[in-house]
Structure formats: C-alpha cells, structure tokens
Protein backbone atom coordinates (compact mmCIF):
# COMPACT_ATOMS: atom_id res chain seq x y z
CA MET A 1 -5.02 124.23 -209.68
CA ASP A 2 -2.45 121.63 -208.46
CA GLY A 3 -4.85 120.22 -205.90
CA ASP A 4 -7.79 119.99 -208.26
CA ALA A 5 -8.68 116.97 -210.38
CA VAL A 6 -11.55 118.76 -212.13
CA VAL A 7 -12.22 122.47 -212.65
CA LEU A 8 -15.35 123.94 -214.25
CA SER A 9 -15.77 127.70 -214.55
CA ASP A 10 -18.87 129.41 -215.97
CA VAL A 11 -19.81 126.41 -218.12
CA TRP A 12 -22.85 126.68 -220.39
CA LYS A 13 -24.53 124.07 -222.54
CA ARG A 14 -27.58 124.34 -224.77
CA PHE A 15 -29.41 121.59 -226.65
CA ARG A 16 -31.45 123.36 -229.33
CA ASN A 17 -34.01 125.40 -227.38
CA VAL A 18 -33.13 123.91 -223.98
CA VAL A 19 -30.43 125.46 -221.81
CA ALA A 20 -29.08 122.52 -219.80
CA LEU A 21 -26.29 124.33 -217.93
CA ARG A 22 -26.30 127.99 -216.93
CA GLY A 23 -22.80 129.02 -215.91
CA ILE A 24 -21.88 126.10 -213.65
CA SER A 25 -18.64 126.45 -211.67
CA PHE A 26 -17.03 124.05 -209.20
CA ARG A 27 -13.78 122.26 -208.39
CA VAL A 28 -13.20 118.65 -207.44
CA ARG A 29 -10.16 118.07 -205.27
CA ARG A 30 -7.89 115.12 -205.87
CA SER A 31 -8.75 111.99 -203.85
CA GLU A 32 -12.19 113.20 -202.81
CA ILE A 33 -15.66 111.82 -203.52
CA PHE A 34 -17.68 114.70 -204.92
CA GLY A 35 -21.44 114.57 -205.36
CA LEU A 36 -23.74 116.28 -207.83
CA VAL A 37 -27.21 116.23 -206.35
CA GLY A 38 -30.53 117.41 -207.70
CA PRO A 39 -33.82 116.38 -209.29
CA ASN A 40 -34.14 114.80 -212.71
CA GLY A 41 -33.38 117.33 -215.44
CA ALA A 42 -31.23 119.52 -213.19
CA GLY A 43 -28.17 119.19 -215.46
CA LYS A 44 -26.22 116.51 -213.57
CA THR A 45 -25.81 114.05 -216.44
CA THR A 46 -24.90 116.80 -218.91
CA THR A 47 -22.17 117.94 -216.53
CA LEU A 48 -20.80 114.41 -216.20
CA ARG A 49 -20.83 113.89 -219.96
CA ILE A 50 -18.86 117.10 -220.45
CA ILE A 51 -16.27 116.03 -217.88
CA SER A 52 -16.15 112.59 -219.54
CA THR A 53 -15.39 114.24 -222.94
CA LEU A 54 -18.60 112.85 -224.47
CA VAL A 55 -20.27 116.26 -224.85
CA LYS A 56 -18.59 119.54 -225.78
CA HIS A 57 -19.56 122.57 -223.71
CA ASP A 58 -20.62 125.76 -225.48
CA ASN A 59 -18.90 128.30 -223.26
CA GLY A 60 -16.69 128.36 -220.19
CA PHE A 61 -13.57 126.58 -218.94
CA VAL A 62 -13.24 122.85 -218.27
CA GLU A 63 -10.06 121.16 -217.06
CA VAL A 64 -9.81 117.47 -216.15
CA LEU A 65 -6.67 115.93 -214.64
CA GLY A 66 -4.61 118.88 -215.81
CA HIS A 67 -5.89 118.84 -219.40
CA ARG A 68 -8.18 121.51 -220.80
CA LEU A 69 -11.18 120.30 -222.75
CA PRO A 70 -11.94 119.71 -225.49
CA GLU A 71 -8.29 119.93 -226.65
CA GLY A 72 -6.96 117.34 -224.19
CA LYS A 73 -9.76 114.80 -224.45
CA SER A 74 -7.52 111.97 -225.73
CA GLU A 75 -5.31 112.16 -222.64
CA VAL A 76 -8.30 112.47 -220.33
CA ARG A 77 -9.99 109.38 -221.79
CA ARG A 78 -6.95 107.25 -220.94
CA ARG A 79 -7.21 108.17 -217.27
CA ILE A 80 -10.93 108.14 -216.47
CA SER A 81 -13.69 105.57 -216.19
CA TYR A 82 -17.33 106.55 -216.69
CA LEU A 83 -20.44 104.56 -215.85
CA PRO A 84 -23.68 106.00 -217.29
CA GLU A 85 -26.97 105.40 -215.51
CA ASP A 86 -28.26 103.15 -218.29
CA ALA A 87 -25.03 101.17 -218.79
CA GLY A 88 -25.69 97.47 -219.17
CA LEU A 89 -23.83 94.23 -219.71
CA TYR A 90 -23.50 92.03 -222.77
CA HIS A 91 -26.33 89.62 -222.04
CA ARG A 92 -24.93 86.69 -224.00
CA LEU A 93 -21.68 86.80 -222.03
CA THR A 94 -21.22 85.60 -218.48
CA GLY A 95 -20.40 88.04 -215.72
CA TRP A 96 -16.77 86.90 -215.85
CA GLU A 97 -16.63 87.27 -219.64
CA ASN A 98 -18.01 90.80 -219.34
CA LEU A 99 -15.19 91.70 -216.94
CA LEU A 100 -12.55 90.10 -219.14
CA TYR A 101 -13.87 91.78 -222.28
CA PHE A 102 -13.65 95.24 -220.71
CA ALA A 103 -10.25 94.49 -219.20
CA MET A 104 -8.92 93.70 -222.68
CA ILE A 105 -10.01 97.12 -223.89
CA TYR A 106 -7.41 98.60 -221.53
CA THR A 107 -4.56 96.19 -222.29
CA GLU A 108 -3.63 93.92 -225.18
CA ASP A 109 -1.72 91.61 -222.84
CA VAL A 110 -4.05 88.67 -222.18
CA GLN A 111 -2.41 87.72 -218.89
CA GLU A 112 -2.60 91.28 -217.61
CA ALA A 113 -6.24 91.48 -218.71
CA ARG A 114 -6.99 88.32 -216.74
CA LYS A 115 -5.39 89.84 -213.63
CA VAL A 116 -7.52 92.97 -214.01
CA ALA A 117 -10.68 90.88 -214.54
CA GLU A 118 -9.85 88.69 -211.52
CA PHE A 119 -9.54 91.84 -209.44
CA GLY A 120 -12.88 93.00 -210.82
CA ALA A 121 -14.42 89.66 -209.86
CA THR A 122 -13.42 90.20 -206.23
CA LEU A 123 -14.96 93.67 -206.30
CA THR A 124 -18.35 92.33 -207.38
CA GLY A 125 -18.74 90.28 -204.22
CA LEU A 126 -20.36 87.57 -206.37
CA CYS A 127 -19.37 83.92 -206.13
CA ARG A 128 -17.76 82.04 -209.03
CA ARG A 129 -20.98 80.24 -209.79
CA ASP A 130 -22.83 83.54 -210.27
CA LEU A 131 -19.99 85.00 -212.34
CA GLY A 132 -20.23 81.94 -214.57
CA ARG A 133 -23.89 82.63 -215.39
CA ARG A 134 -24.97 84.63 -218.41
CA ALA A 135 -25.71 88.26 -217.67
CA SER A 136 -29.20 87.76 -219.11
CA GLU A 137 -29.97 85.71 -215.97
CA TYR A 138 -28.84 88.41 -213.56
CA SER A 139 -31.02 90.50 -211.31
CA LYS A 140 -30.62 94.24 -211.70
CA GLY A 141 -28.56 94.35 -208.52
CA MET A 142 -26.15 91.65 -209.72
CA ALA A 143 -25.76 93.32 -213.09
CA ARG A 144 -25.01 96.65 -211.44
CA ARG A 145 -22.36 95.05 -209.23
CA VAL A 146 -20.54 93.78 -212.31
CA ALA A 147 -20.91 97.14 -214.06
CA ILE A 148 -19.51 99.00 -211.05
CA ALA A 149 -16.64 96.50 -210.77
CA ARG A 150 -15.67 96.85 -214.42
CA THR A 151 -15.57 100.64 -213.95
CA LEU A 152 -13.35 100.48 -210.87
CA MET A 153 -11.12 97.48 -211.63
CA VAL A 154 -8.79 99.45 -213.93
CA LYS A 155 -8.06 101.88 -211.07
CA PRO A 156 -8.64 105.10 -213.03
CA ASP A 157 -7.41 108.45 -211.77
CA LEU A 158 -10.98 109.69 -211.97
CA VAL A 159 -14.14 107.59 -211.76
CA ILE A 160 -17.47 109.09 -212.79
CA LEU A 161 -20.70 107.37 -211.74
CA ASP A 162 -24.12 108.54 -212.91
CA GLU A 163 -26.92 107.35 -210.59
CA PRO A 164 -25.00 104.22 -209.54
CA THR A 165 -27.84 102.71 -207.47
CA SER A 166 -30.84 103.93 -209.46
CA GLY A 167 -33.72 101.44 -209.42
CA LEU A 168 -32.04 99.00 -207.02
CA ASP A 169 -33.61 97.49 -203.92
CA VAL A 170 -32.30 98.60 -200.54
CA PHE A 171 -29.97 95.62 -200.10
CA SER A 172 -28.39 95.93 -203.57
CA ALA A 173 -28.01 99.69 -203.16
CA TYR A 174 -26.32 99.20 -199.79
CA ALA A 175 -23.86 96.72 -201.32
CA ILE A 176 -23.04 99.05 -204.21
CA ARG A 177 -22.43 101.96 -201.86
CA GLY A 178 -20.08 99.79 -199.85
CA ILE A 179 -18.08 98.86 -202.96
CA ILE A 180 -17.79 102.49 -204.01
CA LYS A 181 -16.91 103.97 -200.65
CA ASN A 182 -14.46 101.30 -199.49
CA PHE A 183 -12.58 100.85 -202.75
CA VAL A 184 -12.41 104.48 -203.90
CA LYS A 185 -11.17 105.65 -200.50
CA LYS A 186 -8.68 102.79 -200.19
CA GLU A 187 -7.15 103.52 -203.60
CA GLY A 188 -7.14 107.29 -203.12
CA MET A 189 -9.16 107.79 -206.30
CA THR A 190 -11.07 110.90 -207.24
CA ALA A 191 -14.75 110.20 -207.80
CA ILE A 192 -17.73 112.21 -209.01
CA ILE A 193 -21.12 110.73 -208.26
CA SER A 194 -24.41 112.05 -209.60
CA SER A 195 -27.64 111.18 -207.84
CA HIS A 196 -31.12 112.40 -207.05
CA ASN A 197 -30.93 110.35 -203.85
CA MET A 198 -29.63 112.98 -201.46
CA LEU A 199 -29.45 110.71 -198.44
CA GLU A 200 -27.22 108.35 -200.41
CA VAL A 201 -24.88 111.14 -201.43
CA GLN A 202 -24.86 112.41 -197.86
CA SER A 203 -23.40 109.08 -196.76
CA LEU A 204 -20.89 108.74 -199.63
CA CYS A 205 -19.51 112.16 -200.47
CA ASP A 206 -16.88 114.44 -198.94
CA ARG A 207 -18.42 117.48 -200.63
CA VAL A 208 -21.61 118.07 -202.54
CA ALA A 209 -22.85 120.50 -205.17
CA LEU A 210 -26.61 121.01 -205.12
CA VAL A 211 -27.87 121.53 -208.68
CA ASN A 212 -31.21 122.90 -209.84
CA ARG A 213 -32.27 123.98 -213.34
CA GLY A 214 -28.73 124.06 -214.67
CA LYS A 215 -27.29 126.12 -211.83
CA ILE A 216 -25.30 125.39 -208.70
CA VAL A 217 -27.43 126.23 -205.66
CA ALA A 218 -24.74 125.57 -203.04
CA ILE A 219 -21.47 123.67 -202.48
CA GLY A 220 -20.05 122.29 -199.26
CA THR A 221 -19.75 119.23 -197.09
CA PRO A 222 -23.08 117.59 -196.31
CA LYS A 223 -22.71 118.71 -192.70
CA GLU A 224 -22.02 122.32 -193.72
CA LEU A 225 -25.06 122.48 -195.99
CA ILE A 226 -27.34 120.89 -193.41
CA THR A 227 -26.11 123.26 -190.71
CA ARG A 228 -26.39 126.31 -192.97
CA MET A 229 -30.06 125.61 -193.66
CA LYS A 230 -30.85 124.33 -190.14
CA ALA A 231 -32.11 121.12 -191.69
CA SER A 232 -32.22 117.54 -190.47
CA ASP A 233 -30.64 116.09 -193.62
CA LEU A 234 -29.38 117.03 -197.09
CA GLU A 235 -32.75 116.50 -198.74
CA GLU A 236 -34.41 119.01 -196.43
CA ALA A 237 -31.49 121.44 -196.90
CA PHE A 238 -31.94 121.27 -200.69
CA ILE A 239 -35.68 121.90 -200.49
CA ARG A 240 -35.13 124.91 -198.27
CA MET A 241 -32.45 126.34 -200.58
CA VAL A 242 -34.52 125.93 -203.72
CA GLY A 243 -37.70 127.21 -202.12
CA ASP A 244 -40.46 127.96 -204.59
CA SER A 245 -38.21 127.90 -207.66
CA TYR A 246 -38.78 124.19 -208.24
CA GLU A 247 -42.19 123.13 -209.42
C-alpha cells in the first residue's frame, strides 16, 4: 500500500432504509487526480465524506494517507482539505478576509497565516479590488474561485473536491478547472474529484471510477474506459456500461 494515498475495500454504508454504498473498492495512487463519476445519488458524496472522516462507514476497510479509519481520523484531518459542493463563504467578510480567516485555522502565527492567504489570493486569479469586496457581492463563479483557493492554499497531502464547478457558467467552470489542474499537478498533490459532469472529469483526471447505485461500475483511465466501450467520450462509455440498470 506504499504507493496508495487512499484505499477502500468492500465499503458499505446505510442511512436508515437506504443503502448508499454497496461494497465499494478502489485505490487512489499518490500524486494522481482521481475522479468519482456518476449521476446524482450514485454514492459519490457519501464516499468522499467517509474519506474525509465526516461519516463512519458500516463495514469494510478504509485507509487514508497510511491511517486506518475511523481510528486515525485525527491524523488524517491534519493532512487533508475538503470542499463540499455546497460550501460557501462568510458573506459579511471580504474575499481576502475569508482567505485569511481560513488560513488562521491552520496556523496561530499571524504572519504565516498572511503568507498562506496571500498565496491563496494569487490562486483565485481575482484582482485586489475584487478581493476587497464583500463576498455577498460576488457572483457564484467568483465565490467558487475563493472557495477553491482556500482549499488548495494550505497545500494538503490530499485534496477532496465535491462537484467543484457545479452550477457555474462555462467561463467560470473553465477557470476553476485550470486552477485545479495546474496547481494540483505542479505541487504533486493527490486529489479526488467527484462530479456528474463526465466530460469535465475526462479532462481533469488521471483515472476514473464510474459509480452507479452505490457500486463501482468500472475503473481506469478515461482513454481505457472509452476504448473498452467503443465510445466517443466518457459519458457515452458510462451509459453503455450501465445499460438499462439506470432509470
């Protein structure tokens, strides 16, 4: 397991009468961008929340950065950064103040926190004037840029992004993808990205797990999966793999 940042083996999770995960197994290699792709309700977010230590699995084996969960969750939390789909900003604070606030969660040294926040400011791609505006005045795309930057600026060993471009216009989504791909690859981070946008994941990820109804349908590089199903893109490959099982 030396080359693996994340290992899941036969993981199950039930919420009352709903079985969210049905024996999911996969490995995420260190320094790769790994995608979880599938329709809404497939089990992607539940999987991310388990890896992020926010939800405890019912059965199976989960190891993150060399620590088995749930026992090692304290160590894991120090080394990961997780951005939920619905994560927002503090609207009364400026973009810069949001970055500084989150930087100070990671360090009590004010000067060090300012350095981290300054780095985050460069990642946003926003000008100083925009960063000086209250977050309540931001477009959804601007707010998401700041949220992505605050997740990456601490340079975690593992970054977990749930639907990072959900609801954004094409220009904002393109900018966010650029931030993720360029920075994560440059820093050699491990990243797990969940999305129902298969074309987006096809462009971002080294390997992809196709998820449907709490199960892994297939794992491989986007090119491998497309070739295997004789499809034109990942979306078509997924549809062909799932067949009539998805209604």
